[in-house]
């Protein structure tokens, strides 16, 4: 079975898990998720790149922020024991909307994914196909580059609806720049 590398944008996957779980996050093993979608493509998951950001910490952090960070650190420590997983962390930015509600956004994660996509041929020269779990069109230039320059096929696992400006709207550009795409379903989270 041909080997693959899976790239997971956790910001996207977390939002999707919350949506498919009816406003409650689905509990699932990240590595098993990567292996399952790889097997659906008749591929063997050689390695998982997992992109995330630690929870926001104010100065000083609130009790809730401390608790979230402790839980996050435990999760990351557990995940990092698996040598087949590389964890890459951006940061979490806190801003406010016009009504004063806090908005949290991951920063730097897309850049880390783009860097790793660019180094793919050097780090994993035998890989001919990768799987990207995301919905972000910012990756299109990197995807086009590795397909053209390195002859690597890119399978996109994503989710979208047909509503304009929804949190799951998706540009046709991302779908068209990948070799093929699959829509993530709730069943993909089951072990």
C-alpha atoms as a PDB file:
ATOM      1  CA  UNK A   1       0.000   0.000   0.000  1.00  0.00           C
ATOM      2  CA  UNK A   2       1.346   3.426  -0.957  1.00  0.00           C
ATOM      3  CA  UNK A   3       2.255   5.747   1.923  1.00  0.00           C
ATOM      4  CA  UNK A   4       0.752   9.177   2.501  1.00  0.00           C
ATOM      5  CA  UNK A   5       1.176  12.142   4.816  1.00  0.00           C
ATOM      6  CA  UNK A   6      -1.941  13.706   6.367  1.00  0.00           C
ATOM      7  CA  UNK A   7      -2.065  17.415   7.189  1.00  0.00           C
ATOM      8  CA  UNK A   8      -4.832  18.421   9.632  1.00  0.00           C
ATOM      9  CA  UNK A   9      -5.863  22.030  10.186  1.00  0.00           C
ATOM     10  CA  UNK A  10      -7.303  21.577  13.700  1.00  0.00           C
ATOM     11  CA  UNK A  11      -9.068  24.963  13.669  1.00  0.00           C
ATOM     12  CA  UNK A  12     -11.190  23.755  10.758  1.00  0.00           C
ATOM     13  CA  UNK A  13     -11.627  20.208  12.087  1.00  0.00           C
ATOM     14  CA  UNK A  14     -12.650  21.439  15.551  1.00  0.00           C
ATOM     15  CA  UNK A  15     -15.260  23.776  14.075  1.00  0.00           C
ATOM     16  CA  UNK A  16     -16.592  20.922  11.936  1.00  0.00           C
ATOM     17  CA  UNK A  17     -16.655  18.479  14.860  1.00  0.00           C
ATOM     18  CA  UNK A  18     -18.684  20.995  16.887  1.00  0.00           C
ATOM     19  CA  UNK A  19     -21.110  21.489  13.982  1.00  0.00           C
ATOM     20  CA  UNK A  20     -21.561  17.775  13.190  1.00  0.00           C
ATOM     21  CA  UNK A  21     -21.894  17.018  16.909  1.00  0.00           C
ATOM     22  CA  UNK A  22     -24.861  19.413  17.180  1.00  0.00           C
ATOM     23  CA  UNK A  23     -22.960  22.046  19.183  1.00  0.00           C
ATOM     24  CA  UNK A  24     -21.025  19.442  21.158  1.00  0.00           C
ATOM     25  CA  UNK A  25     -17.531  18.437  20.035  1.00  0.00           C
ATOM     26  CA  UNK A  26     -17.231  14.888  18.778  1.00  0.00           C
ATOM     27  CA  UNK A  27     -14.680  12.852  20.711  1.00  0.00           C
ATOM     28  CA  UNK A  28     -12.242  11.054  18.424  1.00  0.00           C
ATOM     29  CA  UNK A  29      -8.621  10.023  18.137  1.00  0.00           C
ATOM     30  CA  UNK A  30      -6.761  12.343  15.732  1.00  0.00           C
ATOM     31  CA  UNK A  31      -4.317   9.679  14.543  1.00  0.00           C
ATOM     32  CA  UNK A  32      -7.081   7.124  13.968  1.00  0.00           C
ATOM     33  CA  UNK A  33      -9.000   9.776  12.012  1.00  0.00           C
ATOM     34  CA  UNK A  34      -5.932  10.287   9.779  1.00  0.00           C
ATOM     35  CA  UNK A  35      -5.471   6.529   9.341  1.00  0.00           C
ATOM     36  CA  UNK A  36      -9.165   6.022   8.530  1.00  0.00           C
ATOM     37  CA  UNK A  37      -9.323   8.659   5.799  1.00  0.00           C
ATOM     38  CA  UNK A  38      -6.024   7.369   4.394  1.00  0.00           C
ATOM     39  CA  UNK A  39      -7.418   3.834   4.192  1.00  0.00           C
ATOM     40  CA  UNK A  40     -10.475   5.184   2.353  1.00  0.00           C
ATOM     41  CA  UNK A  41      -8.007   6.301  -0.327  1.00  0.00           C
ATOM     42  CA  UNK A  42      -6.163   2.943  -0.283  1.00  0.00           C
ATOM     43  CA  UNK A  43      -3.196   4.661   1.320  1.00  0.00           C
ATOM     44  CA  UNK A  44      -1.169   4.012   4.469  1.00  0.00           C
ATOM     45  CA  UNK A  45      -0.810   7.011   6.837  1.00  0.00           C
ATOM     46  CA  UNK A  46       2.952   7.244   7.268  1.00  0.00           C
ATOM     47  CA  UNK A  47       2.843  10.483   9.256  1.00  0.00           C
ATOM     48  CA  UNK A  48       0.374  13.051  10.593  1.00  0.00           C
ATOM     49  CA  UNK A  49       1.080  16.769  10.736  1.00  0.00           C
ATOM     50  CA  UNK A  50      -1.296  18.324  13.255  1.00  0.00           C
ATOM     51  CA  UNK A  51      -1.654  22.128  13.256  1.00  0.00           C
ATOM     52  CA  UNK A  52      -3.213  23.879  16.223  1.00  0.00           C
ATOM     53  CA  UNK A  53      -2.839  26.794  18.618  1.00  0.00           C
ATOM     54  CA  UNK A  54      -2.854  26.809  22.404  1.00  0.00           C
ATOM     55  CA  UNK A  55      -5.804  28.567  24.055  1.00  0.00           C
ATOM     56  CA  UNK A  56      -5.546  32.303  24.590  1.00  0.00           C
ATOM     57  CA  UNK A  57      -3.855  33.382  27.822  1.00  0.00           C
ATOM     58  CA  UNK A  58      -4.424  36.901  29.106  1.00  0.00           C
ATOM     59  CA  UNK A  59      -1.982  38.824  31.274  1.00  0.00           C
ATOM     60  CA  UNK A  60      -2.583  37.555  33.858  1.00  0.00           C
ATOM     61  CA  UNK A  61      -4.658  34.576  32.661  1.00  0.00           C
ATOM     62  CA  UNK A  62      -8.132  34.077  34.118  1.00  0.00           C
ATOM     63  CA  UNK A  63      -8.979  30.864  35.978  1.00  0.00           C
ATOM     64  CA  UNK A  64     -10.886  29.653  32.907  1.00  0.00           C
ATOM     65  CA  UNK A  65      -7.900  30.400  30.660  1.00  0.00           C
ATOM     66  CA  UNK A  66      -5.596  28.504  33.042  1.00  0.00           C
ATOM     67  CA  UNK A  67      -7.922  25.464  33.052  1.00  0.00           C
ATOM     68  CA  UNK A  68      -8.133  25.458  29.257  1.00  0.00           C
ATOM     69  CA  UNK A  69      -4.334  25.633  28.991  1.00  0.00           C
ATOM     70  CA  UNK A  70      -3.846  22.770  31.463  1.00  0.00           C
ATOM     71  CA  UNK A  71      -6.273  20.588  29.459  1.00  0.00           C
ATOM     72  CA  UNK A  72      -4.609  21.598  26.196  1.00  0.00           C
ATOM     73  CA  UNK A  73      -1.126  20.815  27.560  1.00  0.00           C
ATOM     74  CA  UNK A  74      -2.269  17.343  28.683  1.00  0.00           C
ATOM     75  CA  UNK A  75      -3.763  16.652  25.268  1.00  0.00           C
ATOM     76  CA  UNK A  76      -0.630  17.841  23.414  1.00  0.00           C
ATOM     77  CA  UNK A  77       1.626  15.827  25.734  1.00  0.00           C
ATOM     78  CA  UNK A  78      -0.442  12.699  25.063  1.00  0.00           C
ATOM     79  CA  UNK A  79      -0.478  13.285  21.298  1.00  0.00           C
ATOM     80  CA  UNK A  80       3.260  14.003  21.168  1.00  0.00           C
ATOM     81  CA  UNK A  81       4.096  10.540  22.526  1.00  0.00           C
ATOM     82  CA  UNK A  82       3.294   9.152  19.088  1.00  0.00           C
ATOM     83  CA  UNK A  83       6.413   9.585  16.936  1.00  0.00           C
ATOM     84  CA  UNK A  84       4.246   9.358  13.798  1.00  0.00           C
ATOM     85  CA  UNK A  85       2.707  12.747  14.687  1.00  0.00           C
ATOM     86  CA  UNK A  86       4.299  16.165  14.309  1.00  0.00           C
ATOM     87  CA  UNK A  87       2.519  18.911  16.226  1.00  0.00           C
ATOM     88  CA  UNK A  88       2.924  22.442  14.949  1.00  0.00           C
ATOM     89  CA  UNK A  89       1.571  25.309  17.041  1.00  0.00           C
ATOM     90  CA  UNK A  90       0.601  28.807  16.054  1.00  0.00           C
ATOM     91  CA  UNK A  91      -0.882  31.225  18.545  1.00  0.00           C
ATOM     92  CA  UNK A  92      -4.359  32.337  19.559  1.00  0.00           C
ATOM     93  CA  UNK A  93      -5.372  35.972  19.149  1.00  0.00           C
ATOM     94  CA  UNK A  94      -8.252  37.578  21.051  1.00  0.00           C
ATOM     95  CA  UNK A  95     -10.160  40.434  19.442  1.00  0.00           C
ATOM     96  CA  UNK A  96     -13.645  41.843  19.939  1.00  0.00           C
ATOM     97  CA  UNK A  97     -16.587  42.338  17.599  1.00  0.00           C
ATOM     98  CA  UNK A  98     -18.609  45.575  17.455  1.00  0.00           C
ATOM     99  CA  UNK A  99     -20.816  44.324  20.313  1.00  0.00           C
ATOM    100  CA  UNK A 100     -17.861  43.670  22.596  1.00  0.00           C
ATOM    101  CA  UNK A 101     -17.982  39.870  22.238  1.00  0.00           C
ATOM    102  CA  UNK A 102     -14.619  38.104  22.301  1.00  0.00           C
ATOM    103  CA  UNK A 103     -13.461  36.487  19.056  1.00  0.00           C
ATOM    104  CA  UNK A 104     -10.580  34.009  19.091  1.00  0.00           C
ATOM    105  CA  UNK A 105      -8.536  33.286  15.961  1.00  0.00           C
ATOM    106  CA  UNK A 106      -5.571  31.066  15.251  1.00  0.00           C
ATOM    107  CA  UNK A 107      -2.598  32.964  13.875  1.00  0.00           C
ATOM    108  CA  UNK A 108       0.439  31.544  12.081  1.00  0.00           C
ATOM    109  CA  UNK A 109      -1.057  28.086  11.536  1.00  0.00           C
ATOM    110  CA  UNK A 110      -1.606  28.560   7.788  1.00  0.00           C
ATOM    111  CA  UNK A 111       1.995  29.678   7.399  1.00  0.00           C
ATOM    112  CA  UNK A 112       3.253  26.567   9.213  1.00  0.00           C
ATOM    113  CA  UNK A 113       1.184  24.321   6.907  1.00  0.00           C
ATOM    114  CA  UNK A 114       2.498  26.145   3.843  1.00  0.00           C
ATOM    115  CA  UNK A 115       6.102  25.780   5.043  1.00  0.00           C
ATOM    116  CA  UNK A 116       5.685  22.050   5.648  1.00  0.00           C
ATOM    117  CA  UNK A 117       4.029  21.553   2.260  1.00  0.00           C
ATOM    118  CA  UNK A 118       7.020  23.292   0.682  1.00  0.00           C
ATOM    119  CA  UNK A 119       9.481  20.982   2.484  1.00  0.00           C
ATOM    120  CA  UNK A 120       7.526  17.827   1.732  1.00  0.00           C
ATOM    121  CA  UNK A 121       9.723  16.501  -1.077  1.00  0.00           C
ATOM    122  CA  UNK A 122      12.896  16.986   0.992  1.00  0.00           C
ATOM    123  CA  UNK A 123      11.475  15.491   4.194  1.00  0.00           C
ATOM    124  CA  UNK A 124       9.477  12.637   2.621  1.00  0.00           C
ATOM    125  CA  UNK A 125      10.918  12.018  -0.880  1.00  0.00           C
ATOM    126  CA  UNK A 126       8.992   8.749  -1.378  1.00  0.00           C
ATOM    127  CA  UNK A 127       5.553  10.365  -0.892  1.00  0.00           C
ATOM    128  CA  UNK A 128       3.492  10.743  -4.061  1.00  0.00           C
ATOM    129  CA  UNK A 129       0.108  11.611  -2.498  1.00  0.00           C
ATOM    130  CA  UNK A 130      -0.888  13.686   0.517  1.00  0.00           C
ATOM    131  CA  UNK A 131      -4.192  14.328   2.262  1.00  0.00           C
ATOM    132  CA  UNK A 132      -5.060  17.849   3.414  1.00  0.00           C
ATOM    133  CA  UNK A 133      -7.892  18.323   5.934  1.00  0.00           C
ATOM    134  CA  UNK A 134      -8.906  21.960   5.591  1.00  0.00           C
ATOM    135  CA  UNK A 135     -11.160  24.454   3.836  1.00  0.00           C
ATOM    136  CA  UNK A 136      -8.731  27.330   3.384  1.00  0.00           C
ATOM    137  CA  UNK A 137      -8.032  28.683  -0.103  1.00  0.00           C
ATOM    138  CA  UNK A 138      -4.805  30.260   1.205  1.00  0.00           C
ATOM    139  CA  UNK A 139      -3.197  26.886   0.534  1.00  0.00           C
ATOM    140  CA  UNK A 140      -3.918  26.969  -3.213  1.00  0.00           C
ATOM    141  CA  UNK A 141      -0.529  28.430  -4.260  1.00  0.00           C
ATOM    142  CA  UNK A 142       1.341  25.824  -2.180  1.00  0.00           C
ATOM    143  CA  UNK A 143      -0.871  23.008  -3.492  1.00  0.00           C
ATOM    144  CA  UNK A 144      -0.342  24.082  -7.109  1.00  0.00           C
ATOM    145  CA  UNK A 145       3.408  24.314  -6.494  1.00  0.00           C
ATOM    146  CA  UNK A 146       3.843  20.818  -5.041  1.00  0.00           C
ATOM    147  CA  UNK A 147       1.628  19.333  -7.752  1.00  0.00           C
ATOM    148  CA  UNK A 148       3.537  21.010 -10.576  1.00  0.00           C
ATOM    149  CA  UNK A 149       7.097  21.014  -9.247  1.00  0.00           C
ATOM    150  CA  UNK A 150       7.112  17.839  -7.171  1.00  0.00           C
ATOM    151  CA  UNK A 151       4.415  15.798  -8.949  1.00  0.00           C
ATOM    152  CA  UNK A 152       2.606  15.140  -5.650  1.00  0.00           C
ATOM    153  CA  UNK A 153      -1.123  14.491  -5.737  1.00  0.00           C
ATOM    154  CA  UNK A 154      -3.234  16.354  -3.167  1.00  0.00           C
ATOM    155  CA  UNK A 155      -6.474  14.869  -1.846  1.00  0.00           C
ATOM    156  CA  UNK A 156      -8.615  17.398  -0.013  1.00  0.00           C
ATOM    157  CA  UNK A 157     -10.878  16.283   2.830  1.00  0.00           C
ATOM    158  CA  UNK A 158     -13.227  19.154   3.588  1.00  0.00           C
ATOM    159  CA  UNK A 159     -16.775  20.155   4.387  1.00  0.00           C
ATOM    160  CA  UNK A 160     -18.930  22.864   2.894  1.00  0.00           C
ATOM    161  CA  UNK A 161     -22.478  23.992   2.474  1.00  0.00           C
ATOM    162  CA  UNK A 162     -23.933  25.975  -0.382  1.00  0.00           C
ATOM    163  CA  UNK A 163     -24.727  29.069   1.721  1.00  0.00           C
ATOM    164  CA  UNK A 164     -22.881  32.291   0.922  1.00  0.00           C
ATOM    165  CA  UNK A 165     -20.809  33.692   3.783  1.00  0.00           C
ATOM    166  CA  UNK A 166     -21.546  30.755   6.096  1.00  0.00           C
ATOM    167  CA  UNK A 167     -18.732  29.394   8.250  1.00  0.00           C
ATOM    168  CA  UNK A 168     -18.656  26.401   5.892  1.00  0.00           C
ATOM    169  CA  UNK A 169     -18.718  28.172   2.545  1.00  0.00           C
ATOM    170  CA  UNK A 170     -15.886  27.025   0.302  1.00  0.00           C
ATOM    171  CA  UNK A 171     -14.245  28.507  -2.738  1.00  0.00           C
ATOM    172  CA  UNK A 172     -14.294  26.442  -5.927  1.00  0.00           C
ATOM    173  CA  UNK A 173     -10.628  27.412  -6.320  1.00  0.00           C
ATOM    174  CA  UNK A 174      -9.582  25.113  -3.468  1.00  0.00           C
ATOM    175  CA  UNK A 175     -11.512  22.173  -4.901  1.00  0.00           C
ATOM    176  CA  UNK A 176     -10.194  22.744  -8.419  1.00  0.00           C
ATOM    177  CA  UNK A 177      -6.524  23.071  -7.400  1.00  0.00           C
ATOM    178  CA  UNK A 178      -6.533  19.698  -5.600  1.00  0.00           C
ATOM    179  CA  UNK A 179      -6.241  16.382  -7.415  1.00  0.00           C
ATOM    180  CA  UNK A 180      -9.535  15.257  -5.889  1.00  0.00           C
ATOM    181  CA  UNK A 181     -11.689  16.024  -2.883  1.00  0.00           C
ATOM    182  CA  UNK A 182     -13.963  14.254  -0.418  1.00  0.00           C
ATOM    183  CA  UNK A 183     -16.605  15.728   1.843  1.00  0.00           C
ATOM    184  CA  UNK A 184     -16.056  14.857   5.512  1.00  0.00           C
ATOM    185  CA  UNK A 185     -19.052  13.169   7.076  1.00  0.00           C
ATOM    186  CA  UNK A 186     -19.853  12.439  10.715  1.00  0.00           C
ATOM    187  CA  UNK A 187     -18.987   8.768  10.082  1.00  0.00           C
ATOM    188  CA  UNK A 188     -15.357   9.765   9.413  1.00  0.00           C
ATOM    189  CA  UNK A 189     -15.005  10.643  13.117  1.00  0.00           C
ATOM    190  CA  UNK A 190     -16.132   7.262  14.366  1.00  0.00           C
ATOM    191  CA  UNK A 191     -13.414   4.858  15.478  1.00  0.00           C
END
